């Protein structure tokens, strides 16, 4: 996957966390997602080694899972 896309996704993840859960630091939000703080930090950096399910779980918590699901929806012809 394009590193720039992952980097931007990580930046958006950090912005959404700060906006939606302003009292959560990375460690606290990691608990919500069900990953370690180390893994969550990697997510905010756009690390491609993090399981896609972790990104989806974070998207769900942040109420943007519909945008994530669009990637995997068959286009109408």
PDB file of N, CA and C in Angstrom:
ATOM      1  N   UNK A   1       0.845  -1.184   0.000  1.00  0.00           N
ATOM      2  CA  UNK A   1       0.000   0.000   0.000  1.00  0.00           C
ATOM      3  C   UNK A   1       0.886   1.241   0.000  1.00  0.00           C
ATOM      4  N   UNK A   2       0.367   2.266  -0.575  1.00  0.00           N
ATOM      5  CA  UNK A   2       1.078   3.535  -0.686  1.00  0.00           C
ATOM      6  C   UNK A   2       1.349   4.112   0.712  1.00  0.00           C
ATOM      7  N   UNK A   3       2.626   4.316   1.067  1.00  0.00           N
ATOM      8  CA  UNK A   3       2.952   4.848   2.401  1.00  0.00           C
ATOM      9  C   UNK A   3       2.309   6.202   2.685  1.00  0.00           C
ATOM     10  N   UNK A   4       2.137   7.027   1.655  1.00  0.00           N
ATOM     11  CA  UNK A   4       1.526   8.340   1.856  1.00  0.00           C
ATOM     12  C   UNK A   4       0.068   8.208   2.283  1.00  0.00           C
ATOM     13  N   UNK A   5      -0.639   7.261   1.695  1.00  0.00           N
ATOM     14  CA  UNK A   5      -2.038   7.033   2.066  1.00  0.00           C
ATOM     15  C   UNK A   5      -2.134   6.592   3.516  1.00  0.00           C
ATOM     16  N   UNK A   6      -1.279   5.656   3.904  1.00  0.00           N
ATOM     17  CA  UNK A   6      -1.286   5.187   5.290  1.00  0.00           C
ATOM     18  C   UNK A   6      -0.917   6.304   6.251  1.00  0.00           C
ATOM     19  N   UNK A   7       0.052   7.129   5.879  1.00  0.00           N
ATOM     20  CA  UNK A   7       0.446   8.254   6.722  1.00  0.00           C
ATOM     21  C   UNK A   7      -0.739   9.193   6.941  1.00  0.00           C
ATOM     22  N   UNK A   8      -1.443   9.509   5.857  1.00  0.00           N
ATOM     23  CA  UNK A   8      -2.606  10.395   5.968  1.00  0.00           C
ATOM     24  C   UNK A   8      -3.707   9.755   6.804  1.00  0.00           C
ATOM     25  N   UNK A   9      -3.903   8.447   6.645  1.00  0.00           N
ATOM     26  CA  UNK A   9      -4.910   7.754   7.433  1.00  0.00           C
ATOM     27  C   UNK A   9      -4.558   7.836   8.923  1.00  0.00           C
ATOM     28  N   UNK A  10      -3.287   7.656   9.238  1.00  0.00           N
ATOM     29  CA  UNK A  10      -2.843   7.756  10.628  1.00  0.00           C
ATOM     30  C   UNK A  10      -3.047   9.141  11.205  1.00  0.00           C
ATOM     31  N   UNK A  11      -2.758  10.159  10.400  1.00  0.00           N
ATOM     32  CA  UNK A  11      -2.952  11.547  10.852  1.00  0.00           C
ATOM     33  C   UNK A  11      -4.435  11.821  11.119  1.00  0.00           C
ATOM     34  N   UNK A  12      -5.296  11.343  10.231  1.00  0.00           N
ATOM     35  CA  UNK A  12      -6.743  11.533  10.415  1.00  0.00           C
ATOM     36  C   UNK A  12      -7.219  10.801  11.662  1.00  0.00           C
ATOM     37  N   UNK A  13      -6.682   9.619  11.884  1.00  0.00           N
ATOM     38  CA  UNK A  13      -7.029   8.853  13.076  1.00  0.00           C
ATOM     39  C   UNK A  13      -6.687   9.654  14.328  1.00  0.00           C
ATOM     40  N   UNK A  14      -5.505  10.242  14.360  1.00  0.00           N
ATOM     41  CA  UNK A  14      -5.093  11.049  15.513  1.00  0.00           C
ATOM     42  C   UNK A  14      -6.008  12.261  15.694  1.00  0.00           C
ATOM     43  N   UNK A  15      -6.332  12.931  14.600  1.00  0.00           N
ATOM     44  CA  UNK A  15      -7.217  14.105  14.686  1.00  0.00           C
ATOM     45  C   UNK A  15      -8.606  13.730  15.186  1.00  0.00           C
ATOM     46  N   UNK A  16      -9.143  12.625  14.676  1.00  0.00           N
ATOM     47  CA  UNK A  16     -10.470  12.191  15.122  1.00  0.00           C
ATOM     48  C   UNK A  16     -10.459  11.787  16.590  1.00  0.00           C
ATOM     49  N   UNK A  17      -9.395  11.118  17.029  1.00  0.00           N
ATOM     50  CA  UNK A  17      -9.287  10.744  18.450  1.00  0.00           C
ATOM     51  C   UNK A  17      -9.305  11.994  19.313  1.00  0.00           C
ATOM     52  N   UNK A  18      -8.513  12.976  18.937  1.00  0.00           N
ATOM     53  CA  UNK A  18      -8.424  14.205  19.730  1.00  0.00           C
ATOM     54  C   UNK A  18      -9.737  14.983  19.722  1.00  0.00           C
ATOM     55  N   UNK A  19     -10.449  14.960  18.601  1.00  0.00           N
ATOM     56  CA  UNK A  19     -11.723  15.678  18.506  1.00  0.00           C
ATOM     57  C   UNK A  19     -12.837  14.948  19.259  1.00  0.00           C
ATOM     58  N   UNK A  20     -12.946  13.636  19.048  1.00  0.00           N
ATOM     59  CA  UNK A  20     -14.060  12.874  19.623  1.00  0.00           C
ATOM     60  C   UNK A  20     -13.836  12.453  21.073  1.00  0.00           C
ATOM     61  N   UNK A  21     -12.578  12.269  21.443  1.00  0.00           N
ATOM     62  CA  UNK A  21     -12.237  11.846  22.804  1.00  0.00           C
ATOM     63  C   UNK A  21     -11.109  12.730  23.332  1.00  0.00           C
ATOM     64  N   UNK A  22     -11.394  14.010  23.561  1.00  0.00           N
ATOM     65  CA  UNK A  22     -10.333  14.956  23.917  1.00  0.00           C
ATOM     66  C   UNK A  22      -9.575  14.613  25.203  1.00  0.00           C
ATOM     67  N   UNK A  23     -10.161  13.841  26.068  1.00  0.00           N
ATOM     68  CA  UNK A  23      -9.478  13.473  27.313  1.00  0.00           C
ATOM     69  C   UNK A  23      -8.635  12.213  27.161  1.00  0.00           C
ATOM     70  N   UNK A  24      -8.786  11.517  26.033  1.00  0.00           N
ATOM     71  CA  UNK A  24      -8.020  10.290  25.810  1.00  0.00           C
ATOM     72  C   UNK A  24      -6.644  10.601  25.237  1.00  0.00           C
ATOM     73  N   UNK A  25      -5.628  10.052  25.875  1.00  0.00           N
ATOM     74  CA  UNK A  25      -4.310  10.070  25.252  1.00  0.00           C
ATOM     75  C   UNK A  25      -4.195   8.785  24.424  1.00  0.00           C
ATOM     76  N   UNK A  26      -3.056   8.554  23.823  1.00  0.00           N
ATOM     77  CA  UNK A  26      -2.909   7.365  22.980  1.00  0.00           C
ATOM     78  C   UNK A  26      -3.107   6.078  23.771  1.00  0.00           C
ATOM     79  N   UNK A  27      -2.604   6.026  24.976  1.00  0.00           N
ATOM     80  CA  UNK A  27      -2.724   4.815  25.794  1.00  0.00           C
ATOM     81  C   UNK A  27      -4.180   4.518  26.139  1.00  0.00           C
ATOM     82  N   UNK A  28      -4.926   5.545  26.497  1.00  0.00           N
ATOM     83  CA  UNK A  28      -6.334   5.367  26.854  1.00  0.00           C
ATOM     84  C   UNK A  28      -7.158   4.946  25.645  1.00  0.00           C
ATOM     85  N   UNK A  29      -6.919   5.576  24.503  1.00  0.00           N
ATOM     86  CA  UNK A  29      -7.672   5.214  23.308  1.00  0.00           C
ATOM     87  C   UNK A  29      -7.291   3.816  22.838  1.00  0.00           C
ATOM     88  N   UNK A  30      -6.042   3.431  23.025  1.00  0.00           N
ATOM     89  CA  UNK A  30      -5.607   2.076  22.673  1.00  0.00           C
ATOM     90  C   UNK A  30      -6.446   1.036  23.403  1.00  0.00           C
ATOM     91  N   UNK A  31      -6.764   1.304  24.663  1.00  0.00           N
ATOM     92  CA  UNK A  31      -7.604   0.390  25.441  1.00  0.00           C
ATOM     93  C   UNK A  31      -8.979   0.279  24.799  1.00  0.00           C
ATOM     94  N   UNK A  32      -9.556   1.395  24.351  1.00  0.00           N
ATOM     95  CA  UNK A  32     -10.853   1.369  23.673  1.00  0.00           C
ATOM     96  C   UNK A  32     -10.805   0.482  22.424  1.00  0.00           C
ATOM     97  N   UNK A  33      -9.701   0.579  21.698  1.00  0.00           N
ATOM     98  CA  UNK A  33      -9.552  -0.170  20.449  1.00  0.00           C
ATOM     99  C   UNK A  33      -9.227  -1.637  20.726  1.00  0.00           C
ATOM    100  N   UNK A  34      -8.653  -1.898  21.881  1.00  0.00           N
ATOM    101  CA  UNK A  34      -8.282  -3.270  22.230  1.00  0.00           C
ATOM    102  C   UNK A  34      -6.900  -3.658  21.734  1.00  0.00           C
ATOM    103  N   UNK A  35      -6.013  -2.663  21.659  1.00  0.00           N
ATOM    104  CA  UNK A  35      -4.636  -2.910  21.239  1.00  0.00           C
ATOM    105  C   UNK A  35      -3.699  -2.298  22.272  1.00  0.00           C
ATOM    106  N   UNK A  36      -2.436  -2.648  22.170  1.00  0.00           N
ATOM    107  CA  UNK A  36      -1.452  -2.043  23.071  1.00  0.00           C
ATOM    108  C   UNK A  36      -1.191  -0.596  22.656  1.00  0.00           C
ATOM    109  N   UNK A  37      -0.618   0.159  23.570  1.00  0.00           N
ATOM    110  CA  UNK A  37      -0.270   1.543  23.233  1.00  0.00           C
ATOM    111  C   UNK A  37       0.720   1.564  22.077  1.00  0.00           C
ATOM    112  N   UNK A  38       1.671   0.645  22.088  1.00  0.00           N
ATOM    113  CA  UNK A  38       2.666   0.574  21.018  1.00  0.00           C
ATOM    114  C   UNK A  38       1.996   0.377  19.659  1.00  0.00           C
ATOM    115  N   UNK A  39       1.023  -0.525  19.607  1.00  0.00           N
ATOM    116  CA  UNK A  39       0.309  -0.770  18.354  1.00  0.00           C
ATOM    117  C   UNK A  39      -0.481   0.459  17.944  1.00  0.00           C
ATOM    118  N   UNK A  40      -1.134   1.108  18.907  1.00  0.00           N
ATOM    119  CA  UNK A  40      -1.922   2.291  18.564  1.00  0.00           C
ATOM    120  C   UNK A  40      -1.031   3.419  18.044  1.00  0.00           C
ATOM    121  N   UNK A  41       0.126   3.600  18.634  1.00  0.00           N
ATOM    122  CA  UNK A  41       1.063   4.619  18.153  1.00  0.00           C
ATOM    123  C   UNK A  41       1.430   4.313  16.694  1.00  0.00           C
ATOM    124  N   UNK A  42       1.644   3.041  16.395  1.00  0.00           N
ATOM    125  CA  UNK A  42       1.927   2.631  15.016  1.00  0.00           C
ATOM    126  C   UNK A  42       0.758   2.973  14.098  1.00  0.00           C
ATOM    127  N   UNK A  43      -0.456   2.802  14.595  1.00  0.00           N
ATOM    128  CA  UNK A  43      -1.641   3.130  13.797  1.00  0.00           C
ATOM    129  C   UNK A  43      -1.652   4.610  13.438  1.00  0.00           C
ATOM    130  N   UNK A  44      -1.366   5.463  14.399  1.00  0.00           N
ATOM    131  CA  UNK A  44      -1.362   6.902  14.136  1.00  0.00           C
ATOM    132  C   UNK A  44      -0.219   7.304  13.208  1.00  0.00           C
ATOM    133  N   UNK A  45       0.773   6.442  13.075  1.00  0.00           N
ATOM    134  CA  UNK A  45       1.870   6.686  12.133  1.00  0.00           C
ATOM    135  C   UNK A  45       1.564   6.079  10.763  1.00  0.00           C
ATOM    136  N   UNK A  46       0.474   5.289  10.678  1.00  0.00           N
ATOM    137  CA  UNK A  46       0.114   4.661   9.414  1.00  0.00           C
ATOM    138  C   UNK A  46       0.945   3.430   9.102  1.00  0.00           C
ATOM    139  N   UNK A  47       1.295   2.684  10.120  1.00  0.00           N
ATOM    140  CA  UNK A  47       2.119   1.491   9.954  1.00  0.00           C
ATOM    141  C   UNK A  47       1.335   0.386   9.248  1.00  0.00           C
ATOM    142  N   UNK A  48       1.889  -0.124   8.166  1.00  0.00           N
ATOM    143  CA  UNK A  48       1.200  -1.157   7.377  1.00  0.00           C
ATOM    144  C   UNK A  48       1.242  -2.528   8.041  1.00  0.00           C
ATOM    145  N   UNK A  49       2.019  -2.683   9.096  1.00  0.00           N
ATOM    146  CA  UNK A  49       2.120  -3.968   9.783  1.00  0.00           C
ATOM    147  C   UNK A  49       0.986  -4.185  10.789  1.00  0.00           C
ATOM    148  N   UNK A  50       0.192  -3.148  11.052  1.00  0.00           N
ATOM    149  CA  UNK A  50      -0.931  -3.264  11.982  1.00  0.00           C
ATOM    150  C   UNK A  50      -2.094  -3.927  11.250  1.00  0.00           C
ATOM    151  N   UNK A  51      -2.753  -4.850  11.913  1.00  0.00           N
ATOM    152  CA  UNK A  51      -3.887  -5.570  11.319  1.00  0.00           C
ATOM    153  C   UNK A  51      -4.992  -4.597  10.905  1.00  0.00           C
ATOM    154  N   UNK A  52      -5.549  -4.844   9.748  1.00  0.00           N
ATOM    155  CA  UNK A  52      -6.610  -3.978   9.226  1.00  0.00           C
ATOM    156  C   UNK A  52      -7.810  -3.947  10.172  1.00  0.00           C
ATOM    157  N   UNK A  53      -8.030  -5.034  10.895  1.00  0.00           N
ATOM    158  CA  UNK A  53      -9.126  -5.073  11.853  1.00  0.00           C
ATOM    159  C   UNK A  53      -8.985  -4.042  12.960  1.00  0.00           C
ATOM    160  N   UNK A  54      -7.762  -3.744  13.326  1.00  0.00           N
ATOM    161  CA  UNK A  54      -7.529  -2.719  14.353  1.00  0.00           C
ATOM    162  C   UNK A  54      -7.906  -1.342  13.830  1.00  0.00           C
ATOM    163  N   UNK A  55      -7.562  -1.074  12.583  1.00  0.00           N
ATOM    164  CA  UNK A  55      -7.955   0.199  11.976  1.00  0.00           C
ATOM    165  C   UNK A  55      -9.482   0.289  11.886  1.00  0.00           C
ATOM    166  N   UNK A  56     -10.129  -0.823  11.515  1.00  0.00           N
ATOM    167  CA  UNK A  56     -11.585  -0.809  11.407  1.00  0.00           C
ATOM    168  C   UNK A  56     -12.229  -0.601  12.773  1.00  0.00           C
ATOM    169  N   UNK A  57     -11.701  -1.230  13.803  1.00  0.00           N
ATOM    170  CA  UNK A  57     -12.244  -1.060  15.160  1.00  0.00           C
ATOM    171  C   UNK A  57     -12.141   0.405  15.583  1.00  0.00           C
ATOM    172  N   UNK A  58     -11.019   1.030  15.316  1.00  0.00           N
ATOM    173  CA  UNK A  58     -10.853   2.454  15.646  1.00  0.00           C
ATOM    174  C   UNK A  58     -11.850   3.292  14.857  1.00  0.00           C
ATOM    175  N   UNK A  59     -12.032   2.981  13.584  1.00  0.00           N
ATOM    176  CA  UNK A  59     -12.997   3.716  12.756  1.00  0.00           C
ATOM    177  C   UNK A  59     -14.402   3.572  13.314  1.00  0.00           C
ATOM    178  N   UNK A  60     -14.730   2.391  13.787  1.00  0.00           N
ATOM    179  CA  UNK A  60     -16.050   2.147  14.369  1.00  0.00           C
ATOM    180  C   UNK A  60     -16.254   2.976  15.636  1.00  0.00           C
ATOM    181  N   UNK A  61     -15.264   2.993  16.494  1.00  0.00           N
ATOM    182  CA  UNK A  61     -15.342   3.773  17.737  1.00  0.00           C
ATOM    183  C   UNK A  61     -15.488   5.265  17.433  1.00  0.00           C
ATOM    184  N   UNK A  62     -14.854   5.700  16.362  1.00  0.00           N
ATOM    185  CA  UNK A  62     -14.877   7.115  15.988  1.00  0.00           C
ATOM    186  C   UNK A  62     -16.054   7.470  15.072  1.00  0.00           C
ATOM    187  N   UNK A  63     -16.947   6.511  14.861  1.00  0.00           N
ATOM    188  CA  UNK A  63     -18.147   6.704  14.038  1.00  0.00           C
ATOM    189  C   UNK A  63     -17.849   7.090  12.592  1.00  0.00           C
ATOM    190  N   UNK A  64     -16.787   6.536  12.041  1.00  0.00           N
ATOM    191  CA  UNK A  64     -16.471   6.756  10.630  1.00  0.00           C
ATOM    192  C   UNK A  64     -16.344   5.425   9.887  1.00  0.00           C
ATOM    193  N   UNK A  65     -16.903   4.369  10.471  1.00  0.00           N
ATOM    194  CA  UNK A  65     -16.788   3.058   9.847  1.00  0.00           C
ATOM    195  C   UNK A  65     -17.480   2.992   8.489  1.00  0.00           C
ATOM    196  N   UNK A  66     -18.488   3.824   8.275  1.00  0.00           N
ATOM    197  CA  UNK A  66     -19.168   3.815   6.975  1.00  0.00           C
ATOM    198  C   UNK A  66     -18.200   4.227   5.865  1.00  0.00           C
ATOM    199  N   UNK A  67     -17.313   5.141   6.146  1.00  0.00           N
ATOM    200  CA  UNK A  67     -16.307   5.544   5.158  1.00  0.00           C
ATOM    201  C   UNK A  67     -15.336   4.398   4.902  1.00  0.00           C
ATOM    202  N   UNK A  68     -15.012   3.664   5.942  1.00  0.00           N
ATOM    203  CA  UNK A  68     -14.118   2.525   5.828  1.00  0.00           C
ATOM    204  C   UNK A  68     -14.784   1.418   5.022  1.00  0.00           C
ATOM    205  N   UNK A  69     -16.065   1.178   5.261  1.00  0.00           N
ATOM    206  CA  UNK A  69     -16.798   0.116   4.571  1.00  0.00           C
ATOM    207  C   UNK A  69     -16.915   0.372   3.072  1.00  0.00           C
ATOM    208  N   UNK A  70     -16.946   1.622   2.662  1.00  0.00           N
ATOM    209  CA  UNK A  70     -17.070   1.963   1.243  1.00  0.00           C
ATOM    210  C   UNK A  70     -15.937   1.317   0.445  1.00  0.00           C
ATOM    211  N   UNK A  71     -14.787   1.171   1.039  1.00  0.00           N
ATOM    212  CA  UNK A  71     -13.658   0.559   0.351  1.00  0.00           C
ATOM    213  C   UNK A  71     -13.946  -0.874  -0.073  1.00  0.00           C
ATOM    214  N   UNK A  72     -14.830  -1.536   0.649  1.00  0.00           N
ATOM    215  CA  UNK A  72     -15.068  -2.958   0.417  1.00  0.00           C
ATOM    216  C   UNK A  72     -16.473  -3.248  -0.082  1.00  0.00           C
ATOM    217  N   UNK A  73     -17.144  -2.240  -0.590  1.00  0.00           N
ATOM    218  CA  UNK A  73     -18.479  -2.405  -1.135  1.00  0.00           C
ATOM    219  C   UNK A  73     -18.382  -2.529  -2.650  1.00  0.00           C
ATOM    220  N   UNK A  74     -19.093  -3.493  -3.199  1.00  0.00           N
ATOM    221  CA  UNK A  74     -19.086  -3.682  -4.642  1.00  0.00           C
ATOM    222  C   UNK A  74     -19.807  -2.515  -5.294  1.00  0.00           C
ATOM    223  N   UNK A  75     -19.155  -1.855  -6.243  1.00  0.00           N
ATOM    224  CA  UNK A  75     -19.801  -0.725  -6.914  1.00  0.00           C
ATOM    225  C   UNK A  75     -21.013  -1.172  -7.716  1.00  0.00           C
ATOM    226  N   UNK A  76     -22.020  -0.335  -7.769  1.00  0.00           N
ATOM    227  CA  UNK A  76     -23.207  -0.603  -8.568  1.00  0.00           C
ATOM    228  C   UNK A  76     -22.874  -0.348 -10.026  1.00  0.00           C
ATOM    229  N   UNK A  77     -23.381  -1.199 -10.886  1.00  0.00           N
ATOM    230  CA  UNK A  77     -23.101  -1.019 -12.323  1.00  0.00           C
ATOM    231  C   UNK A  77     -24.254  -0.391 -13.044  1.00  0.00           C
TER     232      UNK A  77
END
